[in-house]
Protein backbone atom coordinates (compact mmCIF):
# COMPACT_ATOMS: atom_id res chain seq x y z
CA MET A 1 175.84 -122.80 -109.22
CA GLN A 2 179.54 -123.54 -109.59
CA SER A 3 179.53 -122.31 -113.22
CA GLN A 4 178.02 -118.97 -112.18
CA VAL A 5 180.75 -118.52 -109.58
CA LEU A 6 183.46 -119.29 -112.15
CA TYR A 7 181.83 -116.95 -114.66
CA ARG A 8 181.63 -114.15 -112.10
CA GLU A 9 185.23 -114.76 -111.04
CA ASP A 10 186.42 -114.66 -114.66
CA PHE A 11 184.36 -111.53 -115.33
CA GLU A 12 185.82 -109.67 -112.34
CA LYS A 13 189.35 -110.74 -113.24
CA ASN A 14 189.04 -109.45 -116.87
CA LYS A 15 186.99 -106.36 -116.09
CA GLY A 16 188.52 -103.24 -117.64
CA LYS A 17 190.96 -105.17 -119.82
CA ALA A 18 190.93 -104.91 -123.59
CA PHE A 19 188.28 -106.85 -125.45
CA HIS A 20 189.70 -109.69 -127.51
CA VAL A 21 188.06 -110.34 -130.85
CA VAL A 22 187.62 -113.92 -131.96
CA THR A 23 189.73 -114.59 -135.04
CA ASP A 24 187.64 -114.34 -138.18
CA THR A 25 187.74 -116.99 -140.85
CA PRO A 26 188.64 -115.86 -144.39
CA GLU A 27 184.98 -116.38 -145.35
CA LEU A 28 183.73 -114.09 -142.57
CA GLN A 29 186.33 -111.48 -143.55
CA ARG A 30 185.13 -111.59 -147.18
CA ILE A 31 181.50 -111.25 -146.07
CA LYS A 32 182.31 -108.29 -143.82
CA LYS A 33 184.30 -106.60 -146.57
CA SER A 34 181.49 -107.14 -149.06
CA GLN A 35 178.92 -105.72 -146.63
CA ASP A 36 181.14 -102.69 -145.99
CA GLN A 37 181.44 -102.10 -149.73
CA ILE A 38 177.70 -102.40 -150.26
CA SER A 39 177.10 -100.02 -147.37
CA ASN A 40 179.61 -97.56 -148.83
CA ILE A 41 177.94 -97.71 -152.26
CA LYS A 42 174.49 -97.17 -150.73
CA TYR A 43 175.82 -94.22 -148.72
CA HIS A 44 177.28 -92.59 -151.84
CA GLU A 45 174.08 -93.21 -153.82
CA GLU A 46 172.04 -91.49 -151.09
CA PHE A 47 174.59 -88.67 -150.93
CA GLU A 48 174.36 -88.12 -154.70
CA LYS A 49 170.55 -88.16 -154.57
CA ARG A 50 170.53 -85.55 -151.78
CA LYS A 51 173.18 -83.53 -153.59
CA MET A 52 171.14 -83.51 -156.81
CA GLY A 53 167.97 -82.63 -154.90
CA GLY A 54 169.73 -79.81 -153.04
CA GLU A 55 170.99 -78.15 -156.22
CA ALA A 56 167.52 -77.65 -157.72
CA PRO A 57 166.61 -73.96 -158.05
CA GLN A 58 164.36 -72.66 -155.30
CA GLN A 59 161.04 -70.93 -155.89
CA PRO A 60 161.14 -67.27 -154.87
CA SER A 61 159.26 -66.71 -151.62
CA ASN A 62 155.74 -65.37 -151.99
CA PRO A 63 155.01 -62.07 -150.20
CA SER A 64 151.58 -63.39 -149.06
CA PRO A 65 152.36 -66.73 -147.41
CA GLY A 66 148.70 -67.67 -146.86
CA ALA A 67 147.74 -67.83 -150.55
CA TYR A 68 149.01 -70.46 -152.97
CA GLN A 69 149.96 -69.18 -156.38
CA PRO A 70 151.06 -71.57 -159.13
CA PRO A 71 154.35 -70.77 -160.84
CA ALA A 72 154.15 -68.49 -163.85
CA ALA A 73 154.23 -70.19 -167.25
CA SER A 74 157.26 -68.16 -168.26
CA GLN A 75 159.43 -69.67 -165.49
CA ASN A 76 161.80 -72.24 -166.93
CA PHE A 77 164.47 -73.86 -164.82
CA ASN A 78 165.94 -75.67 -167.84
CA TYR A 79 165.06 -79.03 -166.38
CA GLU A 80 165.69 -81.88 -168.75
CA PRO A 81 165.10 -85.38 -167.37
CA ALA A 82 168.00 -87.76 -167.83
CA PRO A 83 167.33 -90.36 -170.53
CA GLU A 84 166.78 -93.90 -169.33
CA PRO A 85 169.74 -96.20 -170.00
CA VAL A 86 169.12 -98.66 -172.81
CA ARG A 87 169.55 -102.29 -171.80
CA GLN A 88 170.66 -104.72 -174.45
CA ALA A 89 168.90 -108.05 -174.82
CA ALA A 90 170.90 -111.15 -173.92
CA ALA A 91 170.62 -112.61 -177.43
CA ALA A 92 173.83 -113.97 -178.96
CA PRO A 93 176.54 -112.17 -177.02
CA PRO A 94 179.63 -111.30 -179.07
CA PRO A 95 182.84 -113.21 -178.50
CA SER A 96 184.73 -111.83 -175.53
CA ALA A 97 187.96 -109.90 -175.85
CA GLY A 98 188.29 -108.66 -172.24
CA LYS A 99 189.49 -110.25 -169.02
CA ARG A 100 187.97 -113.57 -167.94
CA TYR A 101 187.10 -114.62 -164.39
CA ARG A 102 185.55 -117.72 -162.80
CA ALA A 103 182.98 -117.49 -160.00
CA VAL A 104 184.12 -119.18 -156.80
CA TYR A 105 180.76 -118.67 -155.00
CA ASP A 106 177.12 -118.28 -155.97
CA TYR A 107 175.92 -114.66 -155.99
CA ALA A 108 172.35 -113.36 -156.14
CA ALA A 109 172.04 -109.81 -157.47
CA ALA A 110 171.04 -107.40 -154.70
CA ASP A 111 170.20 -104.53 -157.07
CA GLU A 112 169.00 -104.12 -160.64
CA ASP A 113 172.43 -103.07 -161.91
CA GLU A 114 174.07 -106.23 -160.54
CA VAL A 115 174.28 -109.66 -162.14
CA SER A 116 173.61 -113.08 -160.57
CA PHE A 117 175.88 -116.06 -161.17
CA MET A 118 176.66 -119.55 -159.88
CA ASP A 119 179.87 -121.12 -158.64
CA GLY A 120 181.93 -122.09 -161.69
CA ASP A 121 180.32 -119.60 -164.10
CA VAL A 122 182.73 -117.76 -166.39
CA ILE A 123 182.46 -113.99 -166.39
CA VAL A 124 183.87 -112.28 -169.49
CA ASP A 125 184.63 -108.73 -170.63
CA VAL A 126 185.39 -107.81 -167.03
CA GLN A 127 186.28 -104.23 -166.12
CA GLN A 128 187.45 -103.22 -162.65
CA ILE A 129 185.22 -100.49 -161.17
CA ASP A 130 186.97 -100.13 -157.81
CA GLU A 131 188.67 -102.36 -155.26
CA GLY A 132 185.50 -104.31 -154.47
CA TRP A 133 183.35 -104.23 -157.62
CA MET A 134 183.69 -105.24 -161.25
CA TYR A 135 181.49 -105.02 -164.33
CA GLY A 136 181.18 -108.00 -166.63
CA ARG A 137 178.99 -110.45 -168.55
CA VAL A 138 178.10 -113.95 -167.35
CA GLU A 139 178.92 -116.23 -170.27
CA ARG A 140 176.25 -118.82 -169.39
CA THR A 141 173.31 -116.37 -169.25
CA GLY A 142 174.53 -113.41 -171.31
CA GLN A 143 173.49 -111.03 -168.51
CA GLN A 144 175.83 -108.16 -167.75
CA GLY A 145 176.18 -105.95 -164.72
CA MET A 146 178.15 -105.26 -161.56
CA LEU A 147 179.57 -108.10 -159.48
CA PRO A 148 181.58 -108.33 -156.24
CA ALA A 149 185.28 -108.80 -156.94
CA ASN A 150 185.79 -111.16 -153.99
CA TYR A 151 183.37 -113.73 -155.48
CA VAL A 152 185.52 -114.37 -158.59
CA GLU A 153 189.08 -115.32 -159.50
CA ALA A 154 191.07 -114.56 -162.66
CA ILE A 155 191.50 -117.40 -165.16
């Protein structure tokens, strides 16, 4: 009962005052930053998808809304599907000439364009994409893809 009284007393005393955030550890800050970056990327992907979908030409409205009429064969909206990107096999990667980084944490790819690696792996041919993401090849596996910048350090 005494603890409830103290809790209530403390609550009433601090009511209306600013909320104090517990200090984050560097690890929690890195995780939050990584999650924010992933969220931002997902947002922009969805935005681009909606933008592409919204720019498609619209069918002219039919004067008789009750009857379905297929589009005429002569209509051509010049739609050409984008070619699928060609993925290279991981056989005998060429010697690296780009920047080299070492993984400081394990990372499991969250998307098909990302690459997984383990703590201590060397990532070669690294190119900076933006503040939070890089593109490179894991030397141990030969796989290449995007990787979070805060999981590696320059060597």
